[in-house]
Amino acid sequence: MTTFDLGPWATFGYEDDVRPSLARVLRVGPAVLATIVRLEGGGPRPVGTQMVFGAHEVAGFLSGGCIESDVALHAAACLEDGEPRQLVYGQGSPWPDIRLLCGSSLTVLVERVLPDDPAAASLFAMAQARRPAVWLTDGRRRLCASPGEVDAWPGAFTRPHDPPWRLVVLGGDPTALAVASLGLACGYETTLVRALGPAEPPPIAGLAYRRERPDVALAAIGPDRWTAVAACHHDLDLDDAALRAALRTPAPYVGLLGGRARLAERLERLRQAGFTENDLAKLHAPIGLDLGGKAPFEVAVSVLGEITALRHEKLAA
């Protein structure tokens, strides 16, 4: 029987968006998708959280380590017989020896997905096209469509998927590199833009790199509602060009590295260029949460913290 080895360290849990892992697994064979479909009480992970189990790969996590090993056992059985399962943990569970320290009760749907599954193909195509999608499943029947395009049927679970979030970092100094590195670690599709930078890309695995001026690079990238832009130059002209280009896009976050001393004149130049107060409302300057640190990765933590807060709508008004 198939088994899934979670290993001694839960590094599989780094991946929150499991769509890339699911796509990799389905290229070589069937996968098992585990989804939290019901949660009562507080829990470390929300409804819709997913794990993927497949050949040589496991990704995602569902709890603080309480249930993953047991879910892996049921996923292996599901892979063999194709039968979906609904696993209840916590209150009402048939496995009282598996304790949830948070005191919640959660239900996990475990289902097998085959390589030729049309819903999975639609999910990946819509992510590639940067279109929001809705995944509907009861464990046997699956659909993937645009929001509002189809209605859920009785017993189906609905899981929305936004396009993968992107981060565009403009600059080339250690702070820009730190912001880009941390963005990658946080799961953002990250691009570093350094105008007229070296032909050799920075030695950061997975980082996209462009050498055009900010306006040209941003026009090529096409920031959308799921893109954050961080201008980390130490050059007024490049910063101004970056802000003028980024603020004209649907990107909900535009951050500017720099002190407050020259912020008023920067804002006035933008107003004279035709930007409204509504346009300027999405500008975060100085960039990042005020954590007090000035070292490159301290600034990076503040920037990614601010973007994360915006994504989860927890920034103070």
C-alpha atoms as a PDB file:
ATOM      1  CA  MET A   1       0.000   0.000   0.000  1.00  0.00           C
ATOM      2  CA  THR A   2       1.127   3.554  -0.711  1.00  0.00           C
ATOM      3  CA  THR A   3       2.459   5.528   2.222  1.00  0.00           C
ATOM      4  CA  PHE A   4       3.278   9.207   2.520  1.00  0.00           C
ATOM      5  CA  ASP A   5       6.395   9.992   4.506  1.00  0.00           C
ATOM      6  CA  LEU A   6       6.082  13.355   6.234  1.00  0.00           C
ATOM      7  CA  GLY A   7       9.691  13.214   7.414  1.00  0.00           C
ATOM      8  CA  PRO A   8      11.093  14.417  10.741  1.00  0.00           C
ATOM      9  CA  TRP A   9      10.531  18.131   9.985  1.00  0.00           C
ATOM     10  CA  ALA A  10       7.323  19.709   8.720  1.00  0.00           C
ATOM     11  CA  THR A  11       8.895  21.697   5.879  1.00  0.00           C
ATOM     12  CA  PHE A  12       5.995  20.573   3.672  1.00  0.00           C
ATOM     13  CA  GLY A  13       3.924  23.161   5.535  1.00  0.00           C
ATOM     14  CA  TYR A  14       5.810  26.108   4.086  1.00  0.00           C
ATOM     15  CA  GLU A  15       3.604  26.001   0.983  1.00  0.00           C
ATOM     16  CA  ASP A  16       0.244  27.615   1.712  1.00  0.00           C
ATOM     17  CA  ASP A  17      -1.072  27.787  -1.860  1.00  0.00           C
ATOM     18  CA  VAL A  18      -0.913  24.127  -2.899  1.00  0.00           C
ATOM     19  CA  ARG A  19      -1.883  24.677  -6.543  1.00  0.00           C
ATOM     20  CA  PRO A  20       1.733  24.499  -7.790  1.00  0.00           C
ATOM     21  CA  SER A  21       2.324  21.294  -5.837  1.00  0.00           C
ATOM     22  CA  LEU A  22      -0.928  19.775  -7.096  1.00  0.00           C
ATOM     23  CA  ALA A  23       0.077  20.584 -10.680  1.00  0.00           C
ATOM     24  CA  ARG A  24       3.509  18.968 -10.208  1.00  0.00           C
ATOM     25  CA  VAL A  25       2.012  15.822  -8.704  1.00  0.00           C
ATOM     26  CA  LEU A  26      -0.615  15.465 -11.445  1.00  0.00           C
ATOM     27  CA  ARG A  27       2.072  15.589 -14.130  1.00  0.00           C
ATOM     28  CA  VAL A  28       3.318  12.183 -12.989  1.00  0.00           C
ATOM     29  CA  GLY A  29       0.218  10.524 -11.537  1.00  0.00           C
ATOM     30  CA  PRO A  30      -2.824  10.878  -9.284  1.00  0.00           C
ATOM     31  CA  ALA A  31      -2.915  13.121  -6.232  1.00  0.00           C
ATOM     32  CA  VAL A  32      -4.896  13.280  -3.037  1.00  0.00           C
ATOM     33  CA  LEU A  33      -6.278  16.643  -1.973  1.00  0.00           C
ATOM     34  CA  ALA A  34      -7.234  17.188   1.672  1.00  0.00           C
ATOM     35  CA  THR A  35      -9.320  20.274   2.514  1.00  0.00           C
ATOM     36  CA  ILE A  36     -10.707  21.653   5.760  1.00  0.00           C
ATOM     37  CA  VAL A  37     -14.402  21.952   4.889  1.00  0.00           C
ATOM     38  CA  ARG A  38     -15.813  22.673   8.357  1.00  0.00           C
ATOM     39  CA  LEU A  39     -14.408  24.286  11.501  1.00  0.00           C
ATOM     40  CA  GLU A  40     -16.111  24.857  14.837  1.00  0.00           C
ATOM     41  CA  GLY A  41     -14.242  26.873  17.430  1.00  0.00           C
ATOM     42  CA  GLY A  42     -10.859  28.466  16.978  1.00  0.00           C
ATOM     43  CA  GLY A  43      -8.204  26.672  15.001  1.00  0.00           C
ATOM     44  CA  PRO A  44      -4.747  27.402  13.657  1.00  0.00           C
ATOM     45  CA  ARG A  45      -5.889  27.076  10.018  1.00  0.00           C
ATOM     46  CA  PRO A  46      -9.089  28.393   8.390  1.00  0.00           C
ATOM     47  CA  VAL A  47     -11.751  26.626   6.357  1.00  0.00           C
ATOM     48  CA  GLY A  48     -10.431  26.028   2.841  1.00  0.00           C
ATOM     49  CA  THR A  49      -6.878  25.199   3.954  1.00  0.00           C
ATOM     50  CA  GLN A  50      -5.488  22.350   1.858  1.00  0.00           C
ATOM     51  CA  MET A  51      -2.803  19.668   1.690  1.00  0.00           C
ATOM     52  CA  VAL A  52      -1.618  17.725  -1.343  1.00  0.00           C
ATOM     53  CA  PHE A  53      -0.261  14.191  -1.227  1.00  0.00           C
ATOM     54  CA  GLY A  54       1.418  12.640  -4.248  1.00  0.00           C
ATOM     55  CA  ALA A  55       4.397  10.792  -5.617  1.00  0.00           C
ATOM     56  CA  HIS A  56       7.501  12.127  -3.893  1.00  0.00           C
ATOM     57  CA  GLU A  57       5.721  15.293  -2.692  1.00  0.00           C
ATOM     58  CA  VAL A  58       3.582  16.509   0.182  1.00  0.00           C
ATOM     59  CA  ALA A  59       2.618  20.177   0.578  1.00  0.00           C
ATOM     60  CA  GLY A  60       0.524  22.279   2.914  1.00  0.00           C
ATOM     61  CA  PHE A  61      -0.594  21.758   6.504  1.00  0.00           C
ATOM     62  CA  LEU A  62      -3.949  21.596   8.263  1.00  0.00           C
ATOM     63  CA  SER A  63      -3.191  22.060  11.949  1.00  0.00           C
ATOM     64  CA  GLY A  64      -0.352  22.652  14.348  1.00  0.00           C
ATOM     65  CA  GLY A  65       0.833  19.087  13.773  1.00  0.00           C
ATOM     66  CA  CYS A  66      -2.095  17.374  15.516  1.00  0.00           C
ATOM     67  CA  ILE A  67      -3.655  15.573  12.548  1.00  0.00           C
ATOM     68  CA  GLU A  68      -1.278  15.604   9.565  1.00  0.00           C
ATOM     69  CA  SER A  69       0.099  12.096  10.157  1.00  0.00           C
ATOM     70  CA  ASP A  70      -3.389  10.630  10.459  1.00  0.00           C
ATOM     71  CA  VAL A  71      -4.627  12.488   7.384  1.00  0.00           C
ATOM     72  CA  ALA A  72      -1.632  11.050   5.498  1.00  0.00           C
ATOM     73  CA  LEU A  73      -2.791   7.519   6.369  1.00  0.00           C
ATOM     74  CA  HIS A  74      -6.300   8.204   5.047  1.00  0.00           C
ATOM     75  CA  ALA A  75      -4.837   9.930   1.973  1.00  0.00           C
ATOM     76  CA  ALA A  76      -2.840   6.790   1.179  1.00  0.00           C
ATOM     77  CA  ALA A  77      -5.999   4.671   1.441  1.00  0.00           C
ATOM     78  CA  CYS A  78      -7.910   7.167  -0.725  1.00  0.00           C
ATOM     79  CA  LEU A  79      -5.195   7.020  -3.361  1.00  0.00           C
ATOM     80  CA  GLU A  80      -5.582   3.225  -3.495  1.00  0.00           C
ATOM     81  CA  ASP A  81      -9.391   2.893  -3.615  1.00  0.00           C
ATOM     82  CA  GLY A  82     -10.491   6.295  -4.936  1.00  0.00           C
ATOM     83  CA  GLU A  83     -13.160   6.660  -2.272  1.00  0.00           C
ATOM     84  CA  PRO A  84     -13.472  10.154  -0.737  1.00  0.00           C
ATOM     85  CA  ARG A  85     -13.495  10.481   3.033  1.00  0.00           C
ATOM     86  CA  GLN A  86     -14.733  13.072   5.488  1.00  0.00           C
ATOM     87  CA  LEU A  87     -12.550  12.978   8.578  1.00  0.00           C
ATOM     88  CA  VAL A  88     -13.752  14.582  11.795  1.00  0.00           C
ATOM     89  CA  TYR A  89     -11.198  15.591  14.428  1.00  0.00           C
ATOM     90  CA  GLY A  90     -11.862  17.024  17.869  1.00  0.00           C
ATOM     91  CA  GLN A  91     -15.384  17.035  19.283  1.00  0.00           C
ATOM     92  CA  GLY A  92     -17.458  14.273  17.672  1.00  0.00           C
ATOM     93  CA  SER A  93     -14.419  12.480  16.263  1.00  0.00           C
ATOM     94  CA  PRO A  94     -14.225   8.677  16.183  1.00  0.00           C
ATOM     95  CA  TRP A  95     -10.543   9.040  17.131  1.00  0.00           C
ATOM     96  CA  PRO A  96     -10.516  10.503  20.653  1.00  0.00           C
ATOM     97  CA  ASP A  97      -6.807   9.730  20.983  1.00  0.00           C
ATOM     98  CA  ILE A  98      -6.059  12.451  18.386  1.00  0.00           C
ATOM     99  CA  ARG A  99      -6.307  15.591  20.459  1.00  0.00           C
ATOM    100  CA  LEU A 100      -6.704  19.111  19.134  1.00  0.00           C
ATOM    101  CA  LEU A 101      -5.043  21.386  21.664  1.00  0.00           C
ATOM    102  CA  CYS A 102      -6.983  24.383  20.327  1.00  0.00           C
ATOM    103  CA  GLY A 103     -10.237  22.720  21.398  1.00  0.00           C
ATOM    104  CA  SER A 104     -11.832  23.041  17.962  1.00  0.00           C
ATOM    105  CA  SER A 105     -13.652  20.524  15.828  1.00  0.00           C
ATOM    106  CA  LEU A 106     -12.713  20.287  12.180  1.00  0.00           C
ATOM    107  CA  THR A 107     -13.747  18.196   9.211  1.00  0.00           C
ATOM    108  CA  VAL A 108     -11.338  17.331   6.415  1.00  0.00           C
ATOM    109  CA  LEU A 109     -12.479  16.173   2.984  1.00  0.00           C
ATOM    110  CA  VAL A 110      -9.980  13.780   1.412  1.00  0.00           C
ATOM    111  CA  GLU A 111     -10.397  13.138  -2.318  1.00  0.00           C
ATOM    112  CA  ARG A 112      -8.412  11.599  -5.149  1.00  0.00           C
ATOM    113  CA  VAL A 113      -7.718  13.766  -8.200  1.00  0.00           C
ATOM    114  CA  LEU A 114      -6.603  12.111 -11.436  1.00  0.00           C
ATOM    115  CA  PRO A 115      -4.140  13.638 -13.927  1.00  0.00           C
ATOM    116  CA  ASP A 116      -6.864  14.209 -16.533  1.00  0.00           C
ATOM    117  CA  ASP A 117      -9.283  15.884 -14.107  1.00  0.00           C
ATOM    118  CA  PRO A 118     -10.907  18.752 -16.062  1.00  0.00           C
ATOM    119  CA  ALA A 119     -11.579  20.818 -12.934  1.00  0.00           C
ATOM    120  CA  ALA A 120      -7.898  20.704 -11.993  1.00  0.00           C
ATOM    121  CA  ALA A 121      -6.943  21.696 -15.549  1.00  0.00           C
ATOM    122  CA  SER A 122      -9.298  24.689 -15.315  1.00  0.00           C
ATOM    123  CA  LEU A 123      -7.888  25.633 -11.904  1.00  0.00           C
ATOM    124  CA  PHE A 124      -4.339  25.747 -13.248  1.00  0.00           C
ATOM    125  CA  ALA A 125      -5.339  27.577 -16.439  1.00  0.00           C
ATOM    126  CA  MET A 126      -7.195  30.256 -14.491  1.00  0.00           C
ATOM    127  CA  ALA A 127      -4.250  30.730 -12.132  1.00  0.00           C
ATOM    128  CA  GLN A 128      -1.931  31.089 -15.127  1.00  0.00           C
ATOM    129  CA  ALA A 129      -4.292  33.645 -16.672  1.00  0.00           C
ATOM    130  CA  ARG A 130      -4.507  35.426 -13.287  1.00  0.00           C
ATOM    131  CA  ARG A 131      -8.270  35.003 -13.045  1.00  0.00           C
ATOM    132  CA  PRO A 132     -10.075  34.304  -9.750  1.00  0.00           C
ATOM    133  CA  ALA A 133     -11.614  30.854  -9.590  1.00  0.00           C
ATOM    134  CA  VAL A 134     -14.052  28.860  -7.491  1.00  0.00           C
ATOM    135  CA  TRP A 135     -13.366  25.168  -6.816  1.00  0.00           C
ATOM    136  CA  LEU A 136     -16.479  23.099  -6.080  1.00  0.00           C
ATOM    137  CA  THR A 137     -16.321  19.490  -4.930  1.00  0.00           C
ATOM    138  CA  ASP A 138     -18.161  16.816  -2.999  1.00  0.00           C
ATOM    139  CA  GLY A 139     -15.225  14.409  -3.258  1.00  0.00           C
ATOM    140  CA  ARG A 140     -16.554  12.654  -6.345  1.00  0.00           C
ATOM    141  CA  ARG A 141     -17.659  15.462  -8.621  1.00  0.00           C
ATOM    142  CA  ARG A 142     -15.560  18.584  -9.136  1.00  0.00           C
ATOM    143  CA  LEU A 143     -15.991  21.823 -11.046  1.00  0.00           C
ATOM    144  CA  CYS A 144     -13.839  24.933 -11.375  1.00  0.00           C
ATOM    145  CA  ALA A 145     -15.350  28.133 -12.708  1.00  0.00           C
ATOM    146  CA  SER A 146     -15.288  31.899 -12.403  1.00  0.00           C
ATOM    147  CA  PRO A 147     -17.050  33.376  -9.359  1.00  0.00           C
ATOM    148  CA  GLY A 148     -20.809  33.518  -9.906  1.00  0.00           C
ATOM    149  CA  GLU A 149     -20.633  31.295 -12.977  1.00  0.00           C
ATOM    150  CA  VAL A 150     -22.058  28.135 -11.366  1.00  0.00           C
ATOM    151  CA  ASP A 151     -24.022  27.291  -8.233  1.00  0.00           C
ATOM    152  CA  ALA A 152     -22.962  24.722  -5.678  1.00  0.00           C
ATOM    153  CA  TRP A 153     -25.018  21.532  -5.539  1.00  0.00           C
ATOM    154  CA  PRO A 154     -26.178  19.875  -2.293  1.00  0.00           C
ATOM    155  CA  GLY A 155     -23.213  18.465  -0.393  1.00  0.00           C
ATOM    156  CA  ALA A 156     -20.622  20.411  -2.401  1.00  0.00           C
ATOM    157  CA  PHE A 157     -17.918  22.484  -0.767  1.00  0.00           C
ATOM    158  CA  THR A 158     -16.950  25.808  -2.365  1.00  0.00           C
ATOM    159  CA  ARG A 159     -13.377  27.056  -2.152  1.00  0.00           C
ATOM    160  CA  PRO A 160     -12.444  30.408  -3.771  1.00  0.00           C
ATOM    161  CA  HIS A 161      -8.968  30.855  -5.263  1.00  0.00           C
ATOM    162  CA  ASP A 162      -7.434  34.232  -6.003  1.00  0.00           C
ATOM    163  CA  PRO A 163      -4.625  34.496  -8.539  1.00  0.00           C
ATOM    164  CA  PRO A 164      -1.215  33.944  -6.931  1.00  0.00           C
ATOM    165  CA  TRP A 165       0.034  37.103  -5.267  1.00  0.00           C
ATOM    166  CA  ARG A 166       3.005  38.854  -6.842  1.00  0.00           C
ATOM    167  CA  LEU A 167       5.620  41.215  -5.458  1.00  0.00           C
ATOM    168  CA  VAL A 168       7.590  43.632  -7.628  1.00  0.00           C
ATOM    169  CA  VAL A 169      10.654  45.123  -5.945  1.00  0.00           C
ATOM    170  CA  LEU A 170      12.386  48.036  -7.644  1.00  0.00           C
ATOM    171  CA  GLY A 171      16.004  48.629  -6.675  1.00  0.00           C
ATOM    172  CA  GLY A 172      19.259  46.787  -6.254  1.00  0.00           C
ATOM    173  CA  ASP A 173      20.751  47.563  -2.852  1.00  0.00           C
ATOM    174  CA  PRO A 174      20.816  45.128   0.115  1.00  0.00           C
ATOM    175  CA  THR A 175      17.404  46.285   1.337  1.00  0.00           C
ATOM    176  CA  ALA A 176      15.802  45.632  -2.054  1.00  0.00           C
ATOM    177  CA  LEU A 177      17.433  42.204  -2.180  1.00  0.00           C
ATOM    178  CA  ALA A 178      16.225  41.427   1.353  1.00  0.00           C
ATOM    179  CA  VAL A 179      12.645  42.441   0.507  1.00  0.00           C
ATOM    180  CA  ALA A 180      12.747  40.287  -2.633  1.00  0.00           C
ATOM    181  CA  SER A 181      14.237  37.313  -0.764  1.00  0.00           C
ATOM    182  CA  LEU A 182      11.641  37.479   1.996  1.00  0.00           C
ATOM    183  CA  GLY A 183       8.874  37.892  -0.552  1.00  0.00           C
ATOM    184  CA  LEU A 184       9.901  34.627  -2.163  1.00  0.00           C
ATOM    185  CA  ALA A 185      10.059  32.912   1.224  1.00  0.00           C
ATOM    186  CA  CYS A 186       6.521  34.148   1.920  1.00  0.00           C
ATOM    187  CA  GLY A 187       5.235  32.579  -1.290  1.00  0.00           C
ATOM    188  CA  TYR A 188       4.998  35.637  -3.550  1.00  0.00           C
ATOM    189  CA  GLU A 189       5.869  35.383  -7.225  1.00  0.00           C
ATOM    190  CA  THR A 190       8.642  37.946  -6.970  1.00  0.00           C
ATOM    191  CA  THR A 191      10.374  40.095  -9.590  1.00  0.00           C
ATOM    192  CA  LEU A 192      13.323  42.391  -8.927  1.00  0.00           C
ATOM    193  CA  VAL A 193      13.629  45.387 -11.273  1.00  0.00           C
ATOM    194  CA  ARG A 194      16.979  47.176 -11.376  1.00  0.00           C
ATOM    195  CA  ALA A 195      17.219  49.773 -14.101  1.00  0.00           C
ATOM    196  CA  LEU A 196      20.352  49.172 -16.191  1.00  0.00           C
ATOM    197  CA  GLY A 197      21.448  46.584 -13.641  1.00  0.00           C
ATOM    198  CA  PRO A 198      24.058  43.884 -14.218  1.00  0.00           C
ATOM    199  CA  ALA A 199      23.347  41.343 -16.940  1.00  0.00           C
ATOM    200  CA  GLU A 200      23.862  38.594 -14.389  1.00  0.00           C
ATOM    201  CA  PRO A 201      20.768  38.152 -12.203  1.00  0.00           C
ATOM    202  CA  PRO A 202      21.050  38.253  -8.416  1.00  0.00           C
ATOM    203  CA  PRO A 203      21.979  34.902  -6.803  1.00  0.00           C
ATOM    204  CA  ILE A 204      18.507  34.302  -5.369  1.00  0.00           C
ATOM    205  CA  ALA A 205      16.814  31.098  -6.522  1.00  0.00           C
ATOM    206  CA  GLY A 206      13.347  31.599  -7.982  1.00  0.00           C
ATOM    207  CA  LEU A 207      13.652  35.367  -8.368  1.00  0.00           C
ATOM    208  CA  ALA A 208      12.654  36.906 -11.703  1.00  0.00           C
ATOM    209  CA  TYR A 209      14.836  39.791 -12.845  1.00  0.00           C
ATOM    210  CA  ARG A 210      14.366  42.721 -15.221  1.00  0.00           C
ATOM    211  CA  ARG A 211      16.762  45.538 -16.190  1.00  0.00           C
ATOM    212  CA  GLU A 212      14.422  48.136 -17.738  1.00  0.00           C
ATOM    213  CA  ARG A 213      13.441  51.465 -16.266  1.00  0.00           C
ATOM    214  CA  PRO A 214      10.590  51.159 -13.735  1.00  0.00           C
ATOM    215  CA  ASP A 215       7.832  52.392 -16.063  1.00  0.00           C
ATOM    216  CA  VAL A 216       8.858  50.006 -18.853  1.00  0.00           C
ATOM    217  CA  ALA A 217       9.237  47.043 -16.507  1.00  0.00           C
ATOM    218  CA  LEU A 218       5.915  47.648 -14.761  1.00  0.00           C
ATOM    219  CA  ALA A 219       4.127  48.001 -18.095  1.00  0.00           C
ATOM    220  CA  ALA A 220       5.534  44.611 -19.106  1.00  0.00           C
ATOM    221  CA  ILE A 221       4.640  42.963 -15.789  1.00  0.00           C
ATOM    222  CA  GLY A 222       1.134  44.416 -15.667  1.00  0.00           C
ATOM    223  CA  PRO A 223       0.394  44.791 -11.935  1.00  0.00           C
ATOM    224  CA  ASP A 224      -3.157  43.762 -11.057  1.00  0.00           C
ATOM    225  CA  ARG A 225      -5.308  43.550  -7.914  1.00  0.00           C
ATOM    226  CA  TRP A 226      -3.070  40.803  -6.574  1.00  0.00           C
ATOM    227  CA  THR A 227       0.258  42.618  -6.970  1.00  0.00           C
ATOM    228  CA  ALA A 228       2.287  44.586  -4.435  1.00  0.00           C
ATOM    229  CA  VAL A 229       4.940  47.053  -5.618  1.00  0.00           C
ATOM    230  CA  ALA A 230       7.856  48.120  -3.416  1.00  0.00           C
ATOM    231  CA  ALA A 231      10.027  50.997  -4.675  1.00  0.00           C
ATOM    232  CA  CYS A 232      13.374  50.585  -2.906  1.00  0.00           C
ATOM    233  CA  HIS A 233      15.653  52.856  -4.888  1.00  0.00           C
ATOM    234  CA  HIS A 234      17.874  55.565  -3.515  1.00  0.00           C
ATOM    235  CA  ASP A 235      17.269  57.692  -6.583  1.00  0.00           C
ATOM    236  CA  LEU A 236      14.610  60.412  -6.806  1.00  0.00           C
ATOM    237  CA  ASP A 237      14.100  60.132 -10.551  1.00  0.00           C
ATOM    238  CA  LEU A 238      13.731  56.337 -10.497  1.00  0.00           C
ATOM    239  CA  ASP A 239      11.437  56.513  -7.473  1.00  0.00           C
ATOM    240  CA  ASP A 240       9.235  59.113  -9.141  1.00  0.00           C
ATOM    241  CA  ALA A 241       9.071  57.051 -12.322  1.00  0.00           C
ATOM    242  CA  ALA A 242       8.180  53.948 -10.310  1.00  0.00           C
ATOM    243  CA  LEU A 243       5.448  55.718  -8.367  1.00  0.00           C
ATOM    244  CA  ARG A 244       3.893  57.306 -11.447  1.00  0.00           C
ATOM    245  CA  ALA A 245       3.781  53.929 -13.183  1.00  0.00           C
ATOM    246  CA  ALA A 246       2.659  51.842 -10.193  1.00  0.00           C
ATOM    247  CA  LEU A 247      -0.073  54.197  -8.970  1.00  0.00           C
ATOM    248  CA  ARG A 248      -1.750  54.043 -12.389  1.00  0.00           C
ATOM    249  CA  THR A 249      -2.179  50.271 -12.093  1.00  0.00           C
ATOM    250  CA  PRO A 250      -4.776  48.289 -10.083  1.00  0.00           C
ATOM    251  CA  ALA A 251      -2.032  47.197  -7.632  1.00  0.00           C
ATOM    252  CA  PRO A 252      -3.523  47.700  -4.135  1.00  0.00           C
ATOM    253  CA  TYR A 253      -0.156  48.262  -2.463  1.00  0.00           C
ATOM    254  CA  VAL A 254       2.582  50.662  -3.551  1.00  0.00           C
ATOM    255  CA  GLY A 255       5.347  51.225  -1.029  1.00  0.00           C
ATOM    256  CA  LEU A 256       8.151  53.771  -1.123  1.00  0.00           C
ATOM    257  CA  LEU A 257      11.405  53.377   0.785  1.00  0.00           C
ATOM    258  CA  GLY A 258      12.704  56.637   2.231  1.00  0.00           C
ATOM    259  CA  GLY A 259      12.406  59.077   5.090  1.00  0.00           C
ATOM    260  CA  ARG A 260       9.586  61.496   5.806  1.00  0.00           C
ATOM    261  CA  ALA A 261      11.668  64.624   5.213  1.00  0.00           C
ATOM    262  CA  ARG A 262      11.042  64.744   1.451  1.00  0.00           C
ATOM    263  CA  LEU A 263       7.699  62.955   1.398  1.00  0.00           C
ATOM    264  CA  ALA A 264       5.594  66.127   1.142  1.00  0.00           C
ATOM    265  CA  GLU A 265       7.389  67.306  -2.005  1.00  0.00           C
ATOM    266  CA  ARG A 266       7.131  63.818  -3.533  1.00  0.00           C
ATOM    267  CA  LEU A 267       3.379  63.813  -2.929  1.00  0.00           C
ATOM    268  CA  GLU A 268       3.048  67.298  -4.367  1.00  0.00           C
ATOM    269  CA  ARG A 269       4.841  66.225  -7.558  1.00  0.00           C
ATOM    270  CA  LEU A 270       2.396  63.356  -7.889  1.00  0.00           C
ATOM    271  CA  ARG A 271      -0.576  65.682  -7.416  1.00  0.00           C
ATOM    272  CA  GLN A 272       0.804  68.013 -10.067  1.00  0.00           C
ATOM    273  CA  ALA A 273       1.113  64.990 -12.353  1.00  0.00           C
ATOM    274  CA  GLY A 274      -2.630  64.437 -12.005  1.00  0.00           C
ATOM    275  CA  PHE A 275      -2.883  61.873  -9.233  1.00  0.00           C
ATOM    276  CA  THR A 276      -5.866  62.241  -6.911  1.00  0.00           C
ATOM    277  CA  GLU A 277      -6.016  61.729  -3.161  1.00  0.00           C
ATOM    278  CA  ASN A 278      -7.765  58.435  -3.882  1.00  0.00           C
ATOM    279  CA  ASP A 279      -4.786  57.375  -6.013  1.00  0.00           C
ATOM    280  CA  LEU A 280      -2.380  58.359  -3.262  1.00  0.00           C
ATOM    281  CA  ALA A 281      -4.331  56.467  -0.599  1.00  0.00           C
ATOM    282  CA  LYS A 282      -2.697  53.190  -1.639  1.00  0.00           C
ATOM    283  CA  LEU A 283       0.807  54.678  -1.337  1.00  0.00           C
ATOM    284  CA  HIS A 284       2.609  53.516   1.806  1.00  0.00           C
ATOM    285  CA  ALA A 285       5.419  55.921   2.551  1.00  0.00           C
ATOM    286  CA  PRO A 286       7.661  55.455   4.333  1.00  0.00           C
ATOM    287  CA  ILE A 287       7.313  51.829   3.385  1.00  0.00           C
ATOM    288  CA  GLY A 288       6.565  49.110   5.943  1.00  0.00           C
ATOM    289  CA  LEU A 289       5.246  48.855   9.470  1.00  0.00           C
ATOM    290  CA  ASP A 290       7.066  50.970  12.033  1.00  0.00           C
ATOM    291  CA  LEU A 291       9.066  48.222  13.786  1.00  0.00           C
ATOM    292  CA  GLY A 292      12.073  50.437  14.520  1.00  0.00           C
ATOM    293  CA  GLY A 293      14.671  48.354  12.679  1.00  0.00           C
ATOM    294  CA  LYS A 294      16.761  49.723   9.816  1.00  0.00           C
ATOM    295  CA  ALA A 295      18.844  46.688   8.793  1.00  0.00           C
ATOM    296  CA  PRO A 296      17.921  45.178   5.391  1.00  0.00           C
ATOM    297  CA  PHE A 297      15.995  42.195   6.683  1.00  0.00           C
ATOM    298  CA  GLU A 298      14.398  44.237   9.453  1.00  0.00           C
ATOM    299  CA  VAL A 299      13.008  46.543   6.780  1.00  0.00           C
ATOM    300  CA  ALA A 300      12.000  43.501   4.725  1.00  0.00           C
ATOM    301  CA  VAL A 301      10.044  42.088   7.672  1.00  0.00           C
ATOM    302  CA  SER A 302       8.242  45.420   8.073  1.00  0.00           C
ATOM    303  CA  VAL A 303       7.387  45.551   4.354  1.00  0.00           C
ATOM    304  CA  LEU A 304       6.084  41.988   4.117  1.00  0.00           C
ATOM    305  CA  GLY A 305       4.210  42.511   7.374  1.00  0.00           C
ATOM    306  CA  GLU A 306       2.479  45.571   5.957  1.00  0.00           C
ATOM    307  CA  ILE A 307       1.569  43.785   2.731  1.00  0.00           C
ATOM    308  CA  THR A 308       0.278  40.773   4.676  1.00  0.00           C
ATOM    309  CA  ALA A 309      -1.834  43.035   6.888  1.00  0.00           C
ATOM    310  CA  LEU A 310      -3.278  44.705   3.798  1.00  0.00           C
ATOM    311  CA  ARG A 311      -4.066  41.351   2.228  1.00  0.00           C
ATOM    312  CA  HIS A 312      -5.930  40.291   5.338  1.00  0.00           C
ATOM    313  CA  GLU A 313      -7.500  43.728   5.799  1.00  0.00           C
ATOM    314  CA  LYS A 314      -6.085  44.264   9.268  1.00  0.00           C
ATOM    315  CA  LEU A 315      -4.413  47.612   8.736  1.00  0.00           C
ATOM    316  CA  ALA A 316      -5.778  50.349  10.955  1.00  0.00           C
ATOM    317  CA  ALA A 317      -7.928  52.840   9.132  1.00  0.00           C
END
